[in-house]
PDB file of N, CA and C in Angstrom:
ATOM      1  N   MET A   1      -5.003  28.991  -3.686  1.00  0.00           N
ATOM      2  CA  MET A   1      -5.665  27.836  -3.108  1.00  0.00           C
ATOM      3  C   MET A   1      -4.609  26.869  -2.578  1.00  0.00           C
ATOM      4  N   ARG A   2      -4.829  26.365  -1.398  1.00  0.00           N
ATOM      5  CA  ARG A   2      -3.886  25.447  -0.766  1.00  0.00           C
ATOM      6  C   ARG A   2      -4.195  24.012  -1.172  1.00  0.00           C
ATOM      7  N   GLN A   3      -3.164  23.289  -1.531  1.00  0.00           N
ATOM      8  CA  GLN A   3      -3.296  21.878  -1.908  1.00  0.00           C
ATOM      9  C   GLN A   3      -2.343  21.070  -1.041  1.00  0.00           C
ATOM     10  N   VAL A   4      -2.855  20.064  -0.352  1.00  0.00           N
ATOM     11  CA  VAL A   4      -2.020  19.202   0.477  1.00  0.00           C
ATOM     12  C   VAL A   4      -2.043  17.803  -0.123  1.00  0.00           C
ATOM     13  N   THR A   5      -0.871  17.301  -0.464  1.00  0.00           N
ATOM     14  CA  THR A   5      -0.745  15.967  -1.031  1.00  0.00           C
ATOM     15  C   THR A   5      -0.093  15.065   0.010  1.00  0.00           C
ATOM     16  N   ARG A   6      -0.795  14.005   0.395  1.00  0.00           N
ATOM     17  CA  ARG A   6      -0.291  13.109   1.431  1.00  0.00           C
ATOM     18  C   ARG A   6       0.145  11.747   0.888  1.00  0.00           C
ATOM     19  N   GLY A   7      -0.042  11.531  -0.404  1.00  0.00           N
ATOM     20  CA  GLY A   7       0.334  10.260  -1.003  1.00  0.00           C
ATOM     21  C   GLY A   7       0.417  10.378  -2.506  1.00  0.00           C
ATOM     22  N   THR A   8       0.718   9.281  -3.137  1.00  0.00           N
ATOM     23  CA  THR A   8       0.755   9.252  -4.593  1.00  0.00           C
ATOM     24  C   THR A   8       0.410   7.847  -5.072  1.00  0.00           C
ATOM     25  N   LEU A   9       0.168   7.747  -6.353  1.00  0.00           N
ATOM     26  CA  LEU A   9      -0.209   6.482  -6.977  1.00  0.00           C
ATOM     27  C   LEU A   9       0.726   6.161  -8.120  1.00  0.00           C
ATOM     28  N   VAL A  10       0.899   4.890  -8.364  1.00  0.00           N
ATOM     29  CA  VAL A  10       1.467   4.418  -9.618  1.00  0.00           C
ATOM     30  C   VAL A  10       0.313   3.714 -10.311  1.00  0.00           C
ATOM     31  N   ILE A  11       0.001   4.162 -11.516  1.00  0.00           N
ATOM     32  CA  ILE A  11      -1.140   3.636 -12.263  1.00  0.00           C
ATOM     33  C   ILE A  11      -0.619   2.832 -13.446  1.00  0.00           C
ATOM     34  N   ASP A  12      -0.985   1.566 -13.509  1.00  0.00           N
ATOM     35  CA  ASP A  12      -0.627   0.711 -14.644  1.00  0.00           C
ATOM     36  C   ASP A  12      -1.722   0.873 -15.699  1.00  0.00           C
ATOM     37  N   ALA A  13      -1.590   1.898 -16.514  1.00  0.00           N
ATOM     38  CA  ALA A  13      -2.627   2.274 -17.474  1.00  0.00           C
ATOM     39  C   ALA A  13      -2.975   1.151 -18.447  1.00  0.00           C
ATOM     40  N   ASP A  14      -2.013   0.329 -18.805  1.00  0.00           N
ATOM     41  CA  ASP A  14      -2.277  -0.731 -19.779  1.00  0.00           C
ATOM     42  C   ASP A  14      -3.159  -1.849 -19.230  1.00  0.00           C
ATOM     43  N   ARG A  15      -3.255  -1.979 -17.913  1.00  0.00           N
ATOM     44  CA  ARG A  15      -4.132  -2.999 -17.307  1.00  0.00           C
ATOM     45  C   ARG A  15      -5.570  -2.504 -17.163  1.00  0.00           C
ATOM     46  N   CYS A  16      -5.777  -1.201 -17.240  1.00  0.00           N
ATOM     47  CA  CYS A  16      -7.091  -0.605 -16.984  1.00  0.00           C
ATOM     48  C   CYS A  16      -8.079  -0.932 -18.106  1.00  0.00           C
ATOM     49  N   LYS A  17      -9.323  -1.194 -17.699  1.00  0.00           N
ATOM     50  CA  LYS A  17     -10.397  -1.452 -18.665  1.00  0.00           C
ATOM     51  C   LYS A  17     -11.441  -0.344 -18.663  1.00  0.00           C
ATOM     52  N   GLY A  18     -11.133   0.777 -18.002  1.00  0.00           N
ATOM     53  CA  GLY A  18     -11.979   1.961 -18.082  1.00  0.00           C
ATOM     54  C   GLY A  18     -13.298   1.906 -17.345  1.00  0.00           C
ATOM     55  N   CYS A  19     -13.402   1.143 -16.276  1.00  0.00           N
ATOM     56  CA  CYS A  19     -14.689   1.000 -15.570  1.00  0.00           C
ATOM     57  C   CYS A  19     -15.083   2.258 -14.796  1.00  0.00           C
ATOM     58  N   GLU A  20     -14.119   3.110 -14.454  1.00  0.00           N
ATOM     59  CA  GLU A  20     -14.322   4.370 -13.737  1.00  0.00           C
ATOM     60  C   GLU A  20     -14.741   4.211 -12.280  1.00  0.00           C
ATOM     61  N   LEU A  21     -14.649   3.011 -11.707  1.00  0.00           N
ATOM     62  CA  LEU A  21     -14.975   2.836 -10.292  1.00  0.00           C
ATOM     63  C   LEU A  21     -14.055   3.678  -9.412  1.00  0.00           C
ATOM     64  N   CYS A  22     -12.813   3.816  -9.798  1.00  0.00           N
ATOM     65  CA  CYS A  22     -11.851   4.602  -9.024  1.00  0.00           C
ATOM     66  C   CYS A  22     -12.226   6.081  -8.993  1.00  0.00           C
ATOM     67  N   ILE A  23     -12.754   6.580 -10.091  1.00  0.00           N
ATOM     68  CA  ILE A  23     -13.151   7.988 -10.174  1.00  0.00           C
ATOM     69  C   ILE A  23     -14.229   8.275  -9.140  1.00  0.00           C
ATOM     70  N   VAL A  24     -15.206   7.411  -9.058  1.00  0.00           N
ATOM     71  CA  VAL A  24     -16.316   7.567  -8.116  1.00  0.00           C
ATOM     72  C   VAL A  24     -15.842   7.385  -6.678  1.00  0.00           C
ATOM     73  N   ALA A  25     -14.908   6.471  -6.446  1.00  0.00           N
ATOM     74  CA  ALA A  25     -14.464   6.137  -5.090  1.00  0.00           C
ATOM     75  C   ALA A  25     -13.500   7.159  -4.490  1.00  0.00           C
ATOM     76  N   CYS A  26     -12.853   7.962  -5.288  1.00  0.00           N
ATOM     77  CA  CYS A  26     -11.795   8.866  -4.825  1.00  0.00           C
ATOM     78  C   CYS A  26     -12.358  10.027  -3.997  1.00  0.00           C
ATOM     79  N   PRO A  27     -12.128  10.042  -2.658  1.00  0.00           N
ATOM     80  CA  PRO A  27     -12.675  11.121  -1.823  1.00  0.00           C
ATOM     81  C   PRO A  27     -12.187  12.521  -2.199  1.00  0.00           C
ATOM     82  N   PRO A  28     -10.884  12.732  -2.489  1.00  0.00           N
ATOM     83  CA  PRO A  28     -10.473  14.095  -2.848  1.00  0.00           C
ATOM     84  C   PRO A  28     -10.716  14.451  -4.320  1.00  0.00           C
ATOM     85  N   ARG A  29     -11.273  13.513  -5.083  1.00  0.00           N
ATOM     86  CA  ARG A  29     -11.602  13.757  -6.499  1.00  0.00           C
ATOM     87  C   ARG A  29     -10.394  14.208  -7.324  1.00  0.00           C
ATOM     88  N   VAL A  30      -9.290  13.488  -7.178  1.00  0.00           N
ATOM     89  CA  VAL A  30      -8.073  13.842  -7.907  1.00  0.00           C
ATOM     90  C   VAL A  30      -7.788  12.914  -9.088  1.00  0.00           C
ATOM     91  N   LEU A  31      -8.689  11.980  -9.358  1.00  0.00           N
ATOM     92  CA  LEU A  31      -8.550  11.104 -10.523  1.00  0.00           C
ATOM     93  C   LEU A  31      -9.519  11.546 -11.612  1.00  0.00           C
ATOM     94  N   THR A  32      -9.024  11.619 -12.830  1.00  0.00           N
ATOM     95  CA  THR A  32      -9.861  11.913 -13.993  1.00  0.00           C
ATOM     96  C   THR A  32      -9.499  10.915 -15.087  1.00  0.00           C
ATOM     97  N   MET A  33     -10.418  10.670 -15.981  1.00  0.00           N
ATOM     98  CA  MET A  33     -10.141   9.740 -17.074  1.00  0.00           C
ATOM     99  C   MET A  33      -9.336  10.436 -18.167  1.00  0.00           C
ATOM    100  N   SER A  34      -8.427   9.699 -18.749  1.00  0.00           N
ATOM    101  CA  SER A  34      -7.587  10.216 -19.828  1.00  0.00           C
ATOM    102  C   SER A  34      -8.443  10.550 -21.047  1.00  0.00           C
ATOM    103  N   ARG A  35      -7.866  11.298 -21.939  1.00  0.00           N
ATOM    104  CA  ARG A  35      -8.557  11.632 -23.192  1.00  0.00           C
ATOM    105  C   ARG A  35      -8.159  10.686 -24.317  1.00  0.00           C
ATOM    106  N   THR A  36      -7.096   9.939 -24.091  1.00  0.00           N
ATOM    107  CA  THR A  36      -6.648   8.964 -25.087  1.00  0.00           C
ATOM    108  C   THR A  36      -6.664   7.577 -24.463  1.00  0.00           C
ATOM    109  N   GLY A  37      -6.770   6.571 -25.284  1.00  0.00           N
ATOM    110  CA  GLY A  37      -6.851   5.201 -24.797  1.00  0.00           C
ATOM    111  C   GLY A  37      -5.494   4.570 -24.546  1.00  0.00           C
ATOM    112  N   ASN A  38      -5.509   3.486 -23.782  1.00  0.00           N
ATOM    113  CA  ASN A  38      -4.291   2.710 -23.540  1.00  0.00           C
ATOM    114  C   ASN A  38      -4.046   1.776 -24.729  1.00  0.00           C
ATOM    115  N   ALA A  39      -3.168   0.821 -24.581  1.00  0.00           N
ATOM    116  CA  ALA A  39      -2.803  -0.083 -25.681  1.00  0.00           C
ATOM    117  C   ALA A  39      -3.989  -0.872 -26.223  1.00  0.00           C
ATOM    118  N   THR A  40      -4.995  -1.124 -25.373  1.00  0.00           N
ATOM    119  CA  THR A  40      -6.178  -1.864 -25.824  1.00  0.00           C
ATOM    120  C   THR A  40      -7.363  -0.950 -26.127  1.00  0.00           C
ATOM    121  N   GLY A  41      -7.136   0.369 -26.080  1.00  0.00           N
ATOM    122  CA  GLY A  41      -8.164   1.326 -26.461  1.00  0.00           C
ATOM    123  C   GLY A  41      -9.031   1.863 -25.333  1.00  0.00           C
ATOM    124  N   TYR A  42      -8.809   1.421 -24.101  1.00  0.00           N
ATOM    125  CA  TYR A  42      -9.610   1.893 -22.966  1.00  0.00           C
ATOM    126  C   TYR A  42      -9.045   3.195 -22.399  1.00  0.00           C
ATOM    127  N   LEU A  43      -9.940   4.088 -21.981  1.00  0.00           N
ATOM    128  CA  LEU A  43      -9.508   5.263 -21.238  1.00  0.00           C
ATOM    129  C   LEU A  43      -9.077   4.794 -19.854  1.00  0.00           C
ATOM    130  N   TYR A  44      -8.143   5.486 -19.248  1.00  0.00           N
ATOM    131  CA  TYR A  44      -7.593   5.094 -17.951  1.00  0.00           C
ATOM    132  C   TYR A  44      -7.503   6.320 -17.039  1.00  0.00           C
ATOM    133  N   PRO A  45      -7.396   6.127 -15.736  1.00  0.00           N
ATOM    134  CA  PRO A  45      -7.339   7.263 -14.817  1.00  0.00           C
ATOM    135  C   PRO A  45      -5.979   7.954 -14.834  1.00  0.00           C
ATOM    136  N   GLU A  46      -6.033   9.266 -14.634  1.00  0.00           N
ATOM    137  CA  GLU A  46      -4.828  10.073 -14.482  1.00  0.00           C
ATOM    138  C   GLU A  46      -4.935  10.808 -13.152  1.00  0.00           C
ATOM    139  N   LEU A  47      -3.810  11.030 -12.514  1.00  0.00           N
ATOM    140  CA  LEU A  47      -3.761  11.618 -11.179  1.00  0.00           C
ATOM    141  C   LEU A  47      -3.409  13.095 -11.229  1.00  0.00           C
ATOM    142  N   SER A  48      -4.177  13.906 -10.498  1.00  0.00           N
ATOM    143  CA  SER A  48      -3.878  15.320 -10.284  1.00  0.00           C
ATOM    144  C   SER A  48      -3.334  15.472  -8.869  1.00  0.00           C
ATOM    145  N   PRO A  49      -2.698  16.597  -8.544  1.00  0.00           N
ATOM    146  CA  PRO A  49      -2.209  16.805  -7.177  1.00  0.00           C
ATOM    147  C   PRO A  49      -3.343  16.750  -6.153  1.00  0.00           C
ATOM    148  N   GLY A  50      -3.027  16.309  -4.958  1.00  0.00           N
ATOM    149  CA  GLY A  50      -3.998  16.280  -3.872  1.00  0.00           C
ATOM    150  C   GLY A  50      -4.328  14.896  -3.362  1.00  0.00           C
ATOM    151  N   CYS A  51      -3.634  13.876  -3.841  1.00  0.00           N
ATOM    152  CA  CYS A  51      -3.877  12.502  -3.388  1.00  0.00           C
ATOM    153  C   CYS A  51      -3.595  12.390  -1.892  1.00  0.00           C
ATOM    154  N   THR A  52      -4.479  11.703  -1.171  1.00  0.00           N
ATOM    155  CA  THR A  52      -4.291  11.503   0.268  1.00  0.00           C
ATOM    156  C   THR A  52      -3.689  10.140   0.587  1.00  0.00           C
ATOM    157  N   GLY A  53      -3.572   9.278  -0.395  1.00  0.00           N
ATOM    158  CA  GLY A  53      -3.055   7.933  -0.157  1.00  0.00           C
ATOM    159  C   GLY A  53      -4.038   7.050   0.581  1.00  0.00           C
ATOM    160  N   CYS A  54      -5.325   7.330   0.442  1.00  0.00           N
ATOM    161  CA  CYS A  54      -6.364   6.632   1.217  1.00  0.00           C
ATOM    162  C   CYS A  54      -6.615   5.198   0.751  1.00  0.00           C
ATOM    163  N   THR A  55      -6.207   4.846  -0.418  1.00  0.00           N
ATOM    164  CA  THR A  55      -6.345   3.522  -1.051  1.00  0.00           C
ATOM    165  C   THR A  55      -7.753   3.191  -1.538  1.00  0.00           C
ATOM    166  N   ALA A  56      -8.672   4.149  -1.549  1.00  0.00           N
ATOM    167  CA  ALA A  56     -10.034   3.869  -2.027  1.00  0.00           C
ATOM    168  C   ALA A  56     -10.019   3.368  -3.469  1.00  0.00           C
ATOM    169  N   CYS A  57      -9.216   3.978  -4.315  1.00  0.00           N
ATOM    170  CA  CYS A  57      -9.122   3.563  -5.720  1.00  0.00           C
ATOM    171  C   CYS A  57      -8.615   2.129  -5.825  1.00  0.00           C
ATOM    172  N   GLN A  58      -7.612   1.826  -5.042  1.00  0.00           N
ATOM    173  CA  GLN A  58      -7.015   0.489  -5.049  1.00  0.00           C
ATOM    174  C   GLN A  58      -8.017  -0.566  -4.583  1.00  0.00           C
ATOM    175  N   GLN A  59      -8.826  -0.223  -3.607  1.00  0.00           N
ATOM    176  CA  GLN A  59      -9.783  -1.176  -3.050  1.00  0.00           C
ATOM    177  C   GLN A  59     -10.906  -1.531  -4.017  1.00  0.00           C
ATOM    178  N   VAL A  60     -11.327  -0.582  -4.860  1.00  0.00           N
ATOM    179  CA  VAL A  60     -12.454  -0.857  -5.764  1.00  0.00           C
ATOM    180  C   VAL A  60     -12.022  -1.347  -7.139  1.00  0.00           C
ATOM    181  N   CYS A  61     -10.747  -1.260  -7.465  1.00  0.00           N
ATOM    182  CA  CYS A  61     -10.282  -1.595  -8.815  1.00  0.00           C
ATOM    183  C   CYS A  61     -10.272  -3.107  -9.057  1.00  0.00           C
ATOM    184  N   PRO A  62     -11.074  -3.579 -10.018  1.00  0.00           N
ATOM    185  CA  PRO A  62     -11.101  -5.016 -10.308  1.00  0.00           C
ATOM    186  C   PRO A  62      -9.885  -5.495 -11.107  1.00  0.00           C
ATOM    187  N   ASP A  63      -9.112  -4.555 -11.642  1.00  0.00           N
ATOM    188  CA  ASP A  63      -7.979  -4.914 -12.493  1.00  0.00           C
ATOM    189  C   ASP A  63      -6.620  -4.677 -11.836  1.00  0.00           C
ATOM    190  N   PHE A  64      -6.604  -4.329 -10.558  1.00  0.00           N
ATOM    191  CA  PHE A  64      -5.359  -4.137  -9.804  1.00  0.00           C
ATOM    192  C   PHE A  64      -4.411  -3.168 -10.504  1.00  0.00           C
ATOM    193  N   VAL A  65      -4.943  -2.026 -10.877  1.00  0.00           N
ATOM    194  CA  VAL A  65      -4.218  -1.009 -11.629  1.00  0.00           C
ATOM    195  C   VAL A  65      -3.345  -0.127 -10.726  1.00  0.00           C
ATOM    196  N   PHE A  66      -3.692   0.002  -9.447  1.00  0.00           N
ATOM    197  CA  PHE A  66      -3.073   0.998  -8.570  1.00  0.00           C
ATOM    198  C   PHE A  66      -2.088   0.421  -7.564  1.00  0.00           C
ATOM    199  N   GLU A  67      -0.980   1.145  -7.376  1.00  0.00           N
ATOM    200  CA  GLU A  67      -0.085   0.956  -6.240  1.00  0.00           C
ATOM    201  C   GLU A  67      -0.107   2.288  -5.506  1.00  0.00           C
ATOM    202  N   VAL A  68      -0.447   2.277  -4.225  1.00  0.00           N
ATOM    203  CA  VAL A  68      -0.600   3.501  -3.448  1.00  0.00           C
ATOM    204  C   VAL A  68       0.563   3.637  -2.474  1.00  0.00           C
ATOM    205  N   TYR A  69       1.110   4.846  -2.407  1.00  0.00           N
ATOM    206  CA  TYR A  69       2.211   5.150  -1.494  1.00  0.00           C
ATOM    207  C   TYR A  69       1.854   6.383  -0.679  1.00  0.00           C
ATOM    208  N   LYS A  70       2.044   6.313   0.636  1.00  0.00           N
ATOM    209  CA  LYS A  70       1.822   7.468   1.503  1.00  0.00           C
ATOM    210  C   LYS A  70       3.157   8.149   1.777  1.00  0.00           C
ATOM    211  N   TYR A  71       3.121   9.496   1.807  1.00  0.00           N
ATOM    212  CA  TYR A  71       4.308  10.266   2.149  1.00  0.00           C
ATOM    213  C   TYR A  71       4.445  10.341   3.668  1.00  0.00           C
ATOM    214  N   HIS A  72       5.671  10.392   4.163  1.00  0.00           N
ATOM    215  CA  HIS A  72       5.901  10.585   5.599  1.00  0.00           C
ATOM    216  C   HIS A  72       5.546  12.013   5.994  1.00  0.00           C
ATOM    217  N   GLU A  73       5.817  12.966   5.104  1.00  0.00           N
ATOM    218  CA  GLU A  73       5.490  14.374   5.330  1.00  0.00           C
ATOM    219  C   GLU A  73       4.607  14.848   4.182  1.00  0.00           C
ATOM    220  N   PRO A  74       3.469  15.512   4.476  1.00  0.00           N
ATOM    221  CA  PRO A  74       2.613  16.024   3.404  1.00  0.00           C
ATOM    222  C   PRO A  74       3.341  17.080   2.577  1.00  0.00           C
ATOM    223  N   ILE A  75       2.967  17.190   1.325  1.00  0.00           N
ATOM    224  CA  ILE A  75       3.505  18.215   0.438  1.00  0.00           C
ATOM    225  C   ILE A  75       2.433  19.285   0.286  1.00  0.00           C
ATOM    226  N   VAL A  76       2.769  20.528   0.641  1.00  0.00           N
ATOM    227  CA  VAL A  76       1.825  21.639   0.559  1.00  0.00           C
ATOM    228  C   VAL A  76       2.201  22.481  -0.642  1.00  0.00           C
ATOM    229  N   SER A  77       1.218  22.783  -1.475  1.00  0.00           N
ATOM    230  CA  SER A  77       1.455  23.636  -2.634  1.00  0.00           C
ATOM    231  C   SER A  77       0.344  24.666  -2.723  1.00  0.00           C
ATOM    232  N   GLY A  78       0.538  25.674  -3.555  1.00  0.00           N
ATOM    233  CA  GLY A  78      -0.474  26.712  -3.717  1.00  0.00           C
ATOM    234  C   GLY A  78      -0.106  27.963  -2.945  1.00  0.00           C
ATOM    235  N   SER A  79      -1.005  28.941  -2.901  1.00  0.00           N
ATOM    236  CA  SER A  79      -0.726  30.248  -2.315  1.00  0.00           C
ATOM    237  C   SER A  79      -0.384  30.164  -0.833  1.00  0.00           C
ATOM    238  N   ASP A  80      -1.018  29.292  -0.074  1.00  0.00           N
ATOM    239  CA  ASP A  80      -0.704  29.144   1.346  1.00  0.00           C
ATOM    240  C   ASP A  80       0.707  28.606   1.543  1.00  0.00           C
ATOM    241  N   ALA A  81       1.154  27.752   0.656  1.00  0.00           N
ATOM    242  CA  ALA A  81       2.499  27.190   0.762  1.00  0.00           C
ATOM    243  C   ALA A  81       3.547  28.283   0.595  1.00  0.00           C
ATOM    244  N   GLU A  82       3.302  29.235  -0.305  1.00  0.00           N
ATOM    245  CA  GLU A  82       4.241  30.327  -0.523  1.00  0.00           C
ATOM    246  C   GLU A  82       4.344  31.207   0.713  1.00  0.00           C
ATOM    247  N   ARG A  83       3.233  31.425   1.405  1.00  0.00           N
ATOM    248  CA  ARG A  83       3.246  32.242   2.618  1.00  0.00           C
ATOM    249  C   ARG A  83       3.971  31.541   3.757  1.00  0.00           C
ATOM    250  N   MET A  84       3.997  30.214   3.753  1.00  0.00           N
ATOM    251  CA  MET A  84       4.615  29.453   4.833  1.00  0.00           C
ATOM    252  C   MET A  84       6.142  29.466   4.746  1.00  0.00           C
ATOM    253  N   GLN A  85       6.691  29.799   3.601  1.00  0.00           N
ATOM    254  CA  GLN A  85       8.151  29.759   3.419  1.00  0.00           C
ATOM    255  C   GLN A  85       8.810  31.011   3.936  1.00  0.00           C
TER     256      GLN A  85
END
């Protein structure tokens, strides 16, 4: 399966209050909630490969948990990436 990552996030897990708005807002569905809580006991989002850097998570977050960065060149991973080399 081919995975293209066009951006990444820095998540300040300790600021998160676990509202899950980012999970719903994420178009590529690469955010999932952690299984353990942060310093105040709230579950927080974790990032899987495939972020597009679209900023949807950042826009809906009431706690300003996300810093979004776009890559200049996409990162391709998975079986298609191996064939491209």
